[in-house]
Amino acid sequence: MSLHQMSRLARSRMGPLSRLHGRRRVHCVELRLVSWTLVSQNVFAASHWTVEFMSH
C-alpha cells in the first residue's frame, strides 16, 4: 500500500467526521438563533402585557 493510497483512505475515513463537525457547528448556531428568538419574543410579549396592564 502506497502512502498516497493510505492518505486517501485516511481522508475518506475522516470525511464523515469533518462533515459531522461542520454540521454540529451549524446546529449550535441554529440553537442559539432559536433561543435568541424565543427570548426576544418573550421580552416583547412581557413588555406588551406590561403596557396593556399600565394603560388600563
Protein backbone atom coordinates (compact mmCIF):
# COMPACT_ATOMS: atom_id res chain seq x y z
CA MET A 1 0.00 0.00 0.00
CA SER A 2 1.47 3.32 -1.04
CA LEU A 3 1.50 6.48 1.02
CA HIS A 4 -0.89 8.12 -1.44
CA GLN A 5 -3.46 5.31 -1.01
CA MET A 6 -3.11 5.47 2.77
CA SER A 7 -3.65 9.23 2.83
CA ARG A 8 -6.67 8.84 0.55
CA LEU A 9 -8.08 6.16 2.83
CA ALA A 10 -7.49 8.34 5.89
CA ARG A 11 -9.19 11.26 4.18
CA SER A 12 -12.19 9.16 3.22
CA ARG A 13 -12.34 7.87 6.79
CA MET A 14 -12.12 11.43 8.13
CA GLY A 15 -14.61 12.88 5.62
CA PRO A 16 -17.80 11.98 7.52
CA LEU A 17 -16.19 13.14 10.78
CA SER A 18 -15.32 16.58 9.46
CA ARG A 19 -18.75 16.83 7.85
CA LEU A 20 -20.35 15.94 11.18
CA HIS A 21 -18.22 18.56 12.92
CA GLY A 22 -19.32 21.24 10.47
CA ARG A 23 -22.96 20.23 10.88
CA ARG A 24 -22.59 20.39 14.66
CA ARG A 25 -21.29 23.95 14.39
CA VAL A 26 -24.25 24.91 12.19
CA HIS A 27 -26.62 23.20 14.63
CA CYS A 28 -25.10 25.18 17.51
CA VAL A 29 -25.66 28.43 15.62
CA GLU A 30 -29.24 27.40 14.84
CA LEU A 31 -29.87 26.60 18.50
CA ARG A 32 -28.51 29.97 19.56
CA LEU A 33 -30.66 31.71 16.95
CA VAL A 34 -33.81 29.87 18.04
CA SER A 35 -33.17 30.54 21.73
CA TRP A 36 -32.48 34.23 21.00
CA THR A 37 -35.72 34.45 19.00
CA LEU A 38 -37.69 32.83 21.83
CA VAL A 39 -36.15 35.16 24.41
CA SER A 40 -36.84 38.25 22.32
CA GLN A 41 -40.43 37.11 21.73
CA ASN A 42 -40.88 36.57 25.48
CA VAL A 43 -39.47 40.01 26.23
CA PHE A 44 -41.72 41.57 23.60
CA ALA A 45 -44.79 39.77 24.98
CA ALA A 46 -43.91 40.74 28.55
CA SER A 47 -43.39 44.41 27.64
CA HIS A 48 -46.60 44.39 25.60
CA TRP A 49 -48.51 42.88 28.52
CA THR A 50 -46.99 45.46 30.88
CA VAL A 51 -48.09 48.30 28.60
CA GLU A 52 -51.60 46.83 28.39
CA PHE A 53 -51.71 46.45 32.17
CA MET A 54 -50.48 50.01 32.81
CA SER A 55 -52.82 51.63 30.28
CA HIS A 56 -55.92 50.13 31.92
